[in-house]
C-alpha atoms as a PDB file:
ATOM      1  CA  MET A   1      36.141 121.851 124.948  1.00  0.00           C
ATOM      2  CA  ILE A   2      32.890 123.321 126.697  1.00  0.00           C
ATOM      3  CA  GLY A   3      32.548 127.273 126.518  1.00  0.00           C
ATOM      4  CA  PRO A   4      31.007 129.917 124.553  1.00  0.00           C
ATOM      5  CA  PRO A   5      31.521 129.557 120.911  1.00  0.00           C
ATOM      6  CA  ALA A   6      34.742 130.397 119.011  1.00  0.00           C
ATOM      7  CA  ALA A   7      32.484 132.297 116.897  1.00  0.00           C
ATOM      8  CA  PRO A   8      28.908 133.235 116.769  1.00  0.00           C
ATOM      9  CA  LEU A   9      26.341 131.247 114.555  1.00  0.00           C
ATOM     10  CA  ARG A  10      25.371 133.705 112.608  1.00  0.00           C
ATOM     11  CA  PRO A  11      26.656 136.006 109.324  1.00  0.00           C
ATOM     12  CA  LEU A  12      30.211 136.924 110.331  1.00  0.00           C
ATOM     13  CA  GLY A  13      32.525 139.820 109.908  1.00  0.00           C
ATOM     14  CA  MET A  14      35.978 139.855 108.438  1.00  0.00           C
ATOM     15  CA  ALA A  15      37.661 140.077 111.802  1.00  0.00           C
ATOM     16  CA  GLU A  16      35.095 137.640 113.526  1.00  0.00           C
ATOM     17  CA  ILE A  17      36.314 134.938 110.798  1.00  0.00           C
ATOM     18  CA  LEU A  18      39.907 135.738 111.846  1.00  0.00           C
ATOM     19  CA  ASP A  19      39.687 135.845 114.981  1.00  0.00           C
ATOM     20  CA  GLY A  20      37.216 132.561 115.405  1.00  0.00           C
ATOM     21  CA  ALA A  21      39.681 130.435 113.235  1.00  0.00           C
ATOM     22  CA  VAL A  22      42.654 131.285 116.016  1.00  0.00           C
ATOM     23  CA  ARG A  23      40.194 130.545 118.718  1.00  0.00           C
ATOM     24  CA  LEU A  24      38.923 127.155 117.191  1.00  0.00           C
ATOM     25  CA  ALA A  25      42.619 125.855 116.568  1.00  0.00           C
ATOM     26  CA  HIS A  26      44.089 126.745 119.906  1.00  0.00           C
ATOM     27  CA  ARG A  27      40.789 125.417 121.884  1.00  0.00           C
ATOM     28  CA  ASN A  28      41.072 122.173 120.041  1.00  0.00           C
ATOM     29  CA  ILE A  29      44.564 122.083 119.802  1.00  0.00           C
ATOM     30  CA  ARG A  30      45.205 118.847 121.082  1.00  0.00           C
ATOM     31  CA  SER A  31      43.347 117.044 118.681  1.00  0.00           C
ATOM     32  CA  VAL A  32      44.564 119.450 116.178  1.00  0.00           C
ATOM     33  CA  LEU A  33      48.419 118.419 116.493  1.00  0.00           C
ATOM     34  CA  THR A  34      47.263 114.689 116.048  1.00  0.00           C
ATOM     35  CA  VAL A  35      46.331 115.917 112.599  1.00  0.00           C
ATOM     36  CA  SER A  36      48.480 118.552 111.391  1.00  0.00           C
ATOM     37  CA  VAL A  37      51.876 117.095 112.781  1.00  0.00           C
ATOM     38  CA  PRO A  38      51.474 114.380 110.057  1.00  0.00           C
ATOM     39  CA  TYR A  39      50.707 117.319 107.394  1.00  0.00           C
ATOM     40  CA  ALA A  40      53.570 119.157 108.529  1.00  0.00           C
ATOM     41  CA  LEU A  41      55.786 116.269 108.271  1.00  0.00           C
ATOM     42  CA  VAL A  42      54.617 115.558 104.579  1.00  0.00           C
ATOM     43  CA  ALA A  43      54.874 118.990 103.751  1.00  0.00           C
ATOM     44  CA  THR A  44      58.234 119.842 105.187  1.00  0.00           C
ATOM     45  CA  LEU A  45      59.555 116.674 103.580  1.00  0.00           C
ATOM     46  CA  ALA A  46      58.434 117.554  99.699  1.00  0.00           C
ATOM     47  CA  THR A  47      59.719 121.013 100.663  1.00  0.00           C
ATOM     48  CA  ALA A  48      63.360 119.967 102.003  1.00  0.00           C
ATOM     49  CA  LEU A  49      63.721 117.591  99.301  1.00  0.00           C
ATOM     50  CA  LEU A  50      63.136 120.562  96.769  1.00  0.00           C
ATOM     51  CA  GLN A  51      65.356 122.451  98.255  1.00  0.00           C
ATOM     52  CA  TYR A  52      67.805 120.461  98.807  1.00  0.00           C
ATOM     53  CA  ASP A  53      68.028 119.481  95.010  1.00  0.00           C
ATOM     54  CA  LEU A  54      68.062 123.177  94.091  1.00  0.00           C
ATOM     55  CA  ILE A  55      69.745 124.697  97.104  1.00  0.00           C
ATOM     56  CA  ASN A  56      72.866 126.303  95.147  1.00  0.00           C
ATOM     57  CA  SER A  57      70.755 127.041  91.930  1.00  0.00           C
ATOM     58  CA  PRO A  58      70.137 130.793  91.031  1.00  0.00           C
ATOM     59  CA  ASP A  59      66.312 129.854  90.907  1.00  0.00           C
ATOM     60  CA  ALA A  60      66.349 128.051  93.945  1.00  0.00           C
ATOM     61  CA  THR A  61      64.223 130.567  96.276  1.00  0.00           C
ATOM     62  CA  THR A  62      61.517 131.179  93.002  1.00  0.00           C
ATOM     63  CA  VAL A  63      61.291 127.241  92.390  1.00  0.00           C
ATOM     64  CA  VAL A  64      61.160 126.366  96.222  1.00  0.00           C
ATOM     65  CA  ALA A  65      58.421 129.088  96.844  1.00  0.00           C
ATOM     66  CA  GLY A  66      56.108 127.696  93.928  1.00  0.00           C
ATOM     67  CA  GLY A  67      56.368 124.135  95.160  1.00  0.00           C
ATOM     68  CA  THR A  68      55.763 125.051  98.645  1.00  0.00           C
ATOM     69  CA  LEU A  69      52.495 127.041  97.179  1.00  0.00           C
ATOM     70  CA  LEU A  70      51.602 124.110  95.481  1.00  0.00           C
ATOM     71  CA  VAL A  71      52.075 121.597  98.031  1.00  0.00           C
ATOM     72  CA  SER A  72      50.011 123.914 100.476  1.00  0.00           C
ATOM     73  CA  ALA A  73      47.259 124.068  98.407  1.00  0.00           C
ATOM     74  CA  GLY A  74      46.871 120.442  97.806  1.00  0.00           C
ATOM     75  CA  LEU A  75      47.650 119.012 101.441  1.00  0.00           C
ATOM     76  CA  GLY A  76      46.150 122.245 102.767  1.00  0.00           C
ATOM     77  CA  THR A  77      42.714 120.909 101.141  1.00  0.00           C
ATOM     78  CA  VAL A  78      43.445 117.244 102.656  1.00  0.00           C
ATOM     79  CA  LEU A  79      43.852 118.939 106.036  1.00  0.00           C
ATOM     80  CA  THR A  80      40.936 121.106 105.747  1.00  0.00           C
ATOM     81  CA  GLY A  81      38.296 118.553 105.077  1.00  0.00           C
ATOM     82  CA  LEU A  82      39.885 116.400 107.994  1.00  0.00           C
ATOM     83  CA  LEU A  83      39.458 118.964 110.395  1.00  0.00           C
ATOM     84  CA  ALA A  84      36.184 120.345 109.144  1.00  0.00           C
ATOM     85  CA  PRO A  85      33.850 117.715 111.096  1.00  0.00           C
ATOM     86  CA  LEU A  86      36.287 118.566 114.257  1.00  0.00           C
ATOM     87  CA  TYR A  87      35.635 122.650 113.952  1.00  0.00           C
ATOM     88  CA  SER A  88      32.174 122.521 112.728  1.00  0.00           C
ATOM     89  CA  SER A  89      31.039 120.601 115.759  1.00  0.00           C
ATOM     90  CA  ASP A  90      33.203 122.462 118.300  1.00  0.00           C
ATOM     91  CA  LEU A  91      30.868 125.480 116.748  1.00  0.00           C
ATOM     92  CA  LEU A  92      27.912 123.674 117.256  1.00  0.00           C
ATOM     93  CA  GLY A  93      28.486 123.293 120.751  1.00  0.00           C
ATOM     94  CA  THR A  94      29.186 119.572 120.451  1.00  0.00           C
ATOM     95  CA  PRO A  95      32.948 118.961 120.505  1.00  0.00           C
ATOM     96  CA  MET A  96      33.966 115.639 118.973  1.00  0.00           C
ATOM     97  CA  THR A  97      37.902 114.099 119.246  1.00  0.00           C
ATOM     98  CA  THR A  98      40.021 113.836 116.573  1.00  0.00           C
ATOM     99  CA  ALA A  99      39.481 110.005 115.630  1.00  0.00           C
ATOM    100  CA  GLU A 100      35.804 110.994 115.369  1.00  0.00           C
ATOM    101  CA  SER A 101      36.441 113.649 112.888  1.00  0.00           C
ATOM    102  CA  VAL A 102      38.568 111.497 110.796  1.00  0.00           C
ATOM    103  CA  ARG A 103      35.893 108.559 110.951  1.00  0.00           C
ATOM    104  CA  ARG A 104      33.413 111.173 109.637  1.00  0.00           C
ATOM    105  CA  VAL A 105      35.350 111.280 106.522  1.00  0.00           C
ATOM    106  CA  GLY A 106      35.935 107.344 106.662  1.00  0.00           C
ATOM    107  CA  ARG A 107      36.668 105.983 103.128  1.00  0.00           C
ATOM    108  CA  ARG A 108      36.427 109.110 101.395  1.00  0.00           C
ATOM    109  CA  VAL A 109      40.140 109.641 102.612  1.00  0.00           C
ATOM    110  CA  LEU A 110      41.243 108.691  98.910  1.00  0.00           C
ATOM    111  CA  PRO A 111      38.543 111.077  97.166  1.00  0.00           C
ATOM    112  CA  LEU A 112      39.717 113.860  99.363  1.00  0.00           C
ATOM    113  CA  ILE A 113      43.556 113.615  98.613  1.00  0.00           C
ATOM    114  CA  ALA A 114      42.252 113.657  95.039  1.00  0.00           C
ATOM    115  CA  LEU A 115      40.452 116.733  95.905  1.00  0.00           C
ATOM    116  CA  GLY A 116      43.484 117.806  96.669  1.00  0.00           C
ATOM    117  CA  LEU A 117      46.031 117.221  94.045  1.00  0.00           C
ATOM    118  CA  LEU A 118      43.217 118.209  91.409  1.00  0.00           C
ATOM    119  CA  VAL A 119      42.967 122.051  93.372  1.00  0.00           C
ATOM    120  CA  ALA A 120      47.038 121.970  93.353  1.00  0.00           C
ATOM    121  CA  VAL A 121      47.434 121.005  89.781  1.00  0.00           C
ATOM    122  CA  CYS A 122      44.724 123.250  88.478  1.00  0.00           C
ATOM    123  CA  GLU A 123      45.673 126.505  90.304  1.00  0.00           C
ATOM    124  CA  GLY A 124      49.558 125.761  89.608  1.00  0.00           C
ATOM    125  CA  LEU A 125      48.466 125.656  86.032  1.00  0.00           C
ATOM    126  CA  GLY A 126      46.838 128.702  86.452  1.00  0.00           C
ATOM    127  CA  LEU A 127      49.337 130.243  87.886  1.00  0.00           C
ATOM    128  CA  LEU A 128      52.015 129.055  85.278  1.00  0.00           C
ATOM    129  CA  ALA A 129      49.407 130.126  82.343  1.00  0.00           C
ATOM    130  CA  LEU A 130      48.019 133.254  83.714  1.00  0.00           C
ATOM    131  CA  ALA A 131      48.787 134.380  87.241  1.00  0.00           C
ATOM    132  CA  VAL A 132      44.984 135.545  87.529  1.00  0.00           C
ATOM    133  CA  GLY A 133      43.485 132.185  86.505  1.00  0.00           C
ATOM    134  CA  GLY A 134      45.283 130.702  89.661  1.00  0.00           C
ATOM    135  CA  ALA A 135      44.086 133.346  92.001  1.00  0.00           C
ATOM    136  CA  TRP A 136      40.406 133.126  90.629  1.00  0.00           C
ATOM    137  CA  LEU A 137      40.266 129.641  91.199  1.00  0.00           C
ATOM    138  CA  TRP A 138      41.965 130.183  94.760  1.00  0.00           C
ATOM    139  CA  GLY A 139      38.637 132.209  95.491  1.00  0.00           C
ATOM    140  CA  ILE A 140      36.205 129.966  93.715  1.00  0.00           C
ATOM    141  CA  TRP A 141      37.427 126.911  95.597  1.00  0.00           C
ATOM    142  CA  ALA A 142      37.888 128.412  98.640  1.00  0.00           C
ATOM    143  CA  VAL A 143      35.246 126.298 100.620  1.00  0.00           C
ATOM    144  CA  ALA A 144      35.176 123.091  98.414  1.00  0.00           C
ATOM    145  CA  ALA A 145      37.207 120.774 101.468  1.00  0.00           C
ATOM    146  CA  PRO A 146      34.525 122.070 103.884  1.00  0.00           C
ATOM    147  CA  ALA A 147      31.726 121.003 101.579  1.00  0.00           C
ATOM    148  CA  PHE A 148      33.150 117.713 100.623  1.00  0.00           C
ATOM    149  CA  ALA A 149      33.513 116.931 104.386  1.00  0.00           C
ATOM    150  CA  LEU A 150      30.375 118.085 106.005  1.00  0.00           C
ATOM    151  CA  GLU A 151      28.183 117.825 102.938  1.00  0.00           C
ATOM    152  CA  ARG A 152      29.727 114.209 101.933  1.00  0.00           C
ATOM    153  CA  VAL A 153      29.715 114.917  98.337  1.00  0.00           C
ATOM    154  CA  GLY A 154      31.781 113.756  95.771  1.00  0.00           C
ATOM    155  CA  VAL A 155      35.005 115.832  94.333  1.00  0.00           C
ATOM    156  CA  ARG A 156      33.195 117.306  91.363  1.00  0.00           C
ATOM    157  CA  ALA A 157      30.000 118.259  93.379  1.00  0.00           C
ATOM    158  CA  ALA A 158      32.112 119.593  96.114  1.00  0.00           C
ATOM    159  CA  LEU A 159      33.882 122.318  93.656  1.00  0.00           C
ATOM    160  CA  ARG A 160      30.558 122.873  92.025  1.00  0.00           C
ATOM    161  CA  ARG A 161      29.118 123.654  95.448  1.00  0.00           C
ATOM    162  CA  SER A 162      32.232 125.736  96.526  1.00  0.00           C
ATOM    163  CA  ARG A 163      31.404 128.271  93.356  1.00  0.00           C
ATOM    164  CA  VAL A 164      27.794 128.293  94.003  1.00  0.00           C
ATOM    165  CA  LEU A 165      28.584 129.125  97.513  1.00  0.00           C
ATOM    166  CA  VAL A 166      31.546 132.230  96.408  1.00  0.00           C
ATOM    167  CA  ALA A 167      29.220 133.408  93.435  1.00  0.00           C
ATOM    168  CA  ARG A 168      28.668 137.284  93.880  1.00  0.00           C
ATOM    169  CA  THR A 169      30.928 137.109  97.202  1.00  0.00           C
ATOM    170  CA  PHE A 170      34.066 136.181  95.099  1.00  0.00           C
ATOM    171  CA  TRP A 171      36.112 139.309  96.231  1.00  0.00           C
ATOM    172  CA  ARG A 172      34.862 139.111 100.189  1.00  0.00           C
ATOM    173  CA  VAL A 173      35.940 135.856 100.277  1.00  0.00           C
ATOM    174  CA  TRP A 174      39.006 135.987  98.425  1.00  0.00           C
ATOM    175  CA  GLY A 175      40.160 139.225 100.519  1.00  0.00           C
ATOM    176  CA  ILE A 176      39.279 137.469 103.808  1.00  0.00           C
ATOM    177  CA  ARG A 177      41.490 134.201 102.685  1.00  0.00           C
ATOM    178  CA  ALA A 178      44.297 136.241 101.705  1.00  0.00           C
ATOM    179  CA  LEU A 179      44.792 138.473 104.320  1.00  0.00           C
ATOM    180  CA  GLY A 180      44.258 135.079 106.705  1.00  0.00           C
ATOM    181  CA  TRP A 181      47.296 133.789 104.409  1.00  0.00           C
ATOM    182  CA  LEU A 182      49.239 137.004 104.482  1.00  0.00           C
ATOM    183  CA  LEU A 183      49.182 137.305 108.607  1.00  0.00           C
ATOM    184  CA  THR A 184      50.006 133.194 108.693  1.00  0.00           C
ATOM    185  CA  TYR A 185      52.836 133.884 106.678  1.00  0.00           C
ATOM    186  CA  ILE A 186      54.330 136.846 108.778  1.00  0.00           C
ATOM    187  CA  LEU A 187      53.591 134.645 111.978  1.00  0.00           C
ATOM    188  CA  ALA A 188      55.377 131.604 109.843  1.00  0.00           C
ATOM    189  CA  GLN A 189      58.424 133.808 108.723  1.00  0.00           C
ATOM    190  CA  LEU A 190      58.941 135.017 112.508  1.00  0.00           C
ATOM    191  CA  ILE A 191      58.866 131.136 113.376  1.00  0.00           C
ATOM    192  CA  LEU A 192      61.539 130.516 110.626  1.00  0.00           C
ATOM    193  CA  LEU A 193      63.800 133.340 111.320  1.00  0.00           C
ATOM    194  CA  PRO A 194      65.927 132.137 114.419  1.00  0.00           C
ATOM    195  CA  PHE A 195      66.412 128.615 112.355  1.00  0.00           C
ATOM    196  CA  ASP A 196      67.211 130.590 109.196  1.00  0.00           C
ATOM    197  CA  LEU A 197      69.960 132.397 111.078  1.00  0.00           C
ATOM    198  CA  LEU A 198      71.120 129.233 112.580  1.00  0.00           C
ATOM    199  CA  ALA A 199      71.653 127.582 109.578  1.00  0.00           C
ATOM    200  CA  LEU A 200      73.266 130.260 108.186  1.00  0.00           C
ATOM    201  CA  ALA A 201      75.924 130.358 111.027  1.00  0.00           C
ATOM    202  CA  VAL A 202      76.642 126.860 111.596  1.00  0.00           C
ATOM    203  CA  THR A 203      77.305 126.341 107.459  1.00  0.00           C
ATOM    204  CA  HIS A 204      79.099 129.394 107.495  1.00  0.00           C
ATOM    205  CA  VAL A 205      77.368 131.034 104.646  1.00  0.00           C
ATOM    206  CA  ASP A 206      77.018 134.931 104.638  1.00  0.00           C
ATOM    207  CA  PRO A 207      73.892 135.987 102.930  1.00  0.00           C
ATOM    208  CA  LEU A 208      75.076 139.265 101.527  1.00  0.00           C
ATOM    209  CA  GLY A 209      78.616 138.063  99.952  1.00  0.00           C
ATOM    210  CA  THR A 210      78.299 138.261  96.308  1.00  0.00           C
ATOM    211  CA  SER A 211      78.146 134.311  96.154  1.00  0.00           C
ATOM    212  CA  ALA A 212      75.833 132.720  99.115  1.00  0.00           C
ATOM    213  CA  HIS A 213      77.214 128.970  98.109  1.00  0.00           C
ATOM    214  CA  VAL A 214      76.030 126.259 100.837  1.00  0.00           C
ATOM    215  CA  SER A 215      78.709 124.080 101.081  1.00  0.00           C
ATOM    216  CA  ASN A 216      76.716 121.610 103.805  1.00  0.00           C
ATOM    217  CA  PRO A 217      73.137 121.317 101.699  1.00  0.00           C
ATOM    218  CA  ALA A 218      72.029 118.264 103.999  1.00  0.00           C
ATOM    219  CA  LEU A 219      72.828 120.470 107.388  1.00  0.00           C
ATOM    220  CA  PHE A 220      71.441 123.634 106.095  1.00  0.00           C
ATOM    221  CA  VAL A 221      68.412 122.004 105.190  1.00  0.00           C
ATOM    222  CA  THR A 222      67.745 120.010 108.102  1.00  0.00           C
ATOM    223  CA  ILE A 223      67.859 123.209 109.890  1.00  0.00           C
ATOM    224  CA  THR A 224      65.791 125.042 108.271  1.00  0.00           C
ATOM    225  CA  ALA A 225      63.147 122.158 107.794  1.00  0.00           C
ATOM    226  CA  ALA A 226      63.063 122.031 111.477  1.00  0.00           C
ATOM    227  CA  GLY A 227      61.401 125.282 111.507  1.00  0.00           C
ATOM    228  CA  ARG A 228      58.800 124.711 108.851  1.00  0.00           C
ATOM    229  CA  LEU A 229      57.854 121.905 110.451  1.00  0.00           C
ATOM    230  CA  ILE A 230      57.097 123.648 113.519  1.00  0.00           C
ATOM    231  CA  SER A 231      55.431 126.604 111.505  1.00  0.00           C
ATOM    232  CA  ALA A 232      53.370 124.350 109.565  1.00  0.00           C
ATOM    233  CA  ALA A 233      52.035 121.887 112.653  1.00  0.00           C
ATOM    234  CA  LEU A 234      50.790 125.429 114.442  1.00  0.00           C
ATOM    235  CA  LEU A 235      49.602 127.393 111.439  1.00  0.00           C
ATOM    236  CA  ALA A 236      48.185 125.226 108.973  1.00  0.00           C
ATOM    237  CA  PRO A 237      45.459 124.478 111.396  1.00  0.00           C
ATOM    238  CA  VAL A 238      44.163 128.083 111.506  1.00  0.00           C
ATOM    239  CA  THR A 239      44.535 128.216 107.961  1.00  0.00           C
ATOM    240  CA  ALA A 240      41.789 125.478 107.624  1.00  0.00           C
ATOM    241  CA  ALA A 241      39.876 126.959 110.297  1.00  0.00           C
ATOM    242  CA  ILE A 242      39.466 130.136 108.169  1.00  0.00           C
ATOM    243  CA  ASP A 243      37.977 128.043 105.217  1.00  0.00           C
ATOM    244  CA  VAL A 244      35.728 126.074 107.544  1.00  0.00           C
ATOM    245  CA  LEU A 245      34.145 129.513 109.126  1.00  0.00           C
ATOM    246  CA  LEU A 246      34.121 131.015 105.489  1.00  0.00           C
ATOM    247  CA  TYR A 247      31.821 128.192 104.574  1.00  0.00           C
ATOM    248  CA  THR A 248      29.906 128.390 107.555  1.00  0.00           C
ATOM    249  CA  ASP A 249      29.392 132.207 106.983  1.00  0.00           C
ATOM    250  CA  LEU A 250      28.520 131.723 103.358  1.00  0.00           C
ATOM    251  CA  ARG A 251      25.637 128.933 104.098  1.00  0.00           C
ATOM    252  CA  MET A 252      24.318 131.689 106.542  1.00  0.00           C
ATOM    253  CA  ARG A 253      24.257 134.457 104.269  1.00  0.00           C
ATOM    254  CA  LYS A 254      22.771 132.433 101.601  1.00  0.00           C
ATOM    255  CA  GLU A 255      20.862 129.739 103.060  1.00  0.00           C
ATOM    256  CA  GLY A 256      20.132 130.710 106.483  1.00  0.00           C
ATOM    257  CA  MET A 257      21.639 128.091 108.396  1.00  0.00           C
ATOM    258  CA  ASP A 258      22.071 130.158 111.608  1.00  0.00           C
ATOM    259  CA  ILE A 259      17.778 130.109 111.206  1.00  0.00           C
ATOM    260  CA  VAL A 260      17.575 126.696 110.824  1.00  0.00           C
ATOM    261  CA  LEU A 261      20.285 126.097 113.845  1.00  0.00           C
ATOM    262  CA  ALA A 262      17.869 128.599 115.984  1.00  0.00           C
ATOM    263  CA  LEU A 263      14.829 126.348 115.166  1.00  0.00           C
ATOM    264  CA  PRO A 264      13.826 123.817 118.102  1.00  0.00           C
ATOM    265  CA  ALA A 265      15.470 120.514 117.564  1.00  0.00           C
ATOM    266  CA  ALA A 266      13.420 118.240 115.255  1.00  0.00           C
ATOM    267  CA  PRO A 267      12.346 114.810 116.733  1.00  0.00           C
ATOM    268  CA  GLU A 268      14.285 111.577 116.354  1.00  0.00           C
ATOM    269  CA  PRO A 269      13.289 109.575 113.183  1.00  0.00           C
ATOM    270  CA  THR A 270      11.147 106.668 113.051  1.00  0.00           C
ATOM    271  CA  ALA A 271      10.869 103.779 111.041  1.00  0.00           C
ATOM    272  CA  SER A 272       7.586 105.542 109.520  1.00  0.00           C
ATOM    273  CA  GLY A 273       9.051 109.027 108.895  1.00  0.00           C
ATOM    274  CA  PRO A 274      12.184 110.313 106.883  1.00  0.00           C
ATOM    275  CA  ALA A 275      15.510 111.273 109.004  1.00  0.00           C
ATOM    276  CA  THR A 276      16.119 114.920 109.991  1.00  0.00           C
ATOM    277  CA  VAL A 277      18.330 116.464 107.587  1.00  0.00           C
ATOM    278  CA  SER A 278      21.421 117.729 108.967  1.00  0.00           C
ATOM    279  CA  ALA A 279      22.315 121.695 109.291  1.00  0.00           C
ATOM    280  CA  TRP A 280      25.551 121.113 107.829  1.00  0.00           C
END
């Protein structure tokens, strides 16, 4: 899409990152949905199976919420990696298609999935062992997926690169991610509310009763899953855009990437000279 950039190419404030994330997702909505809908299908199916298995258990809410967080952490990392080239190209004023963005990741999809699994498992174990540990990993690994996709490094190098970029700005990065998560969570609940109410009505469940037993779990889970599918497809790309903008902001603050981008374009590489190094 041709037009003003979603966010200025300079160190960004919190409001600019959050607003820019919405702009990035909205202006590339057709391309984004091509990736986010399959993501939402997988994430929703995983959550629905867990909910169906535990729906009448007293611990169902807690377990499903925890499972949803782990699924979001793992699959969200993969989604961010796949969308990072698309978002970064948009920021630079050279938009690309979804196919081109996915092609940039290319054969590195399996390592990207491995990165997502590692993030989900480690953050999950950190939350179980000590909640602070999971929250700490969530902060220092905030930009691992963009680093993996845009700098074309390995899994361990991407985690290390994220830790280096976030160093000395941990609380700022963590706070922006947390606020972005809170805002998207509220929007997700607004999307889910009518589906939850419909599921309660058609399955004749009284949520205020002493025993909110669901007699038709399959129907209940199917209706609520439809709401989760819609909210995930629309809102997960915004969360991914927040991480890409955080990555961009950190590189501008710590490495002067905005200055590099403002310099005149380097000449095309020749057979006798080295290739130009990408600003990303």
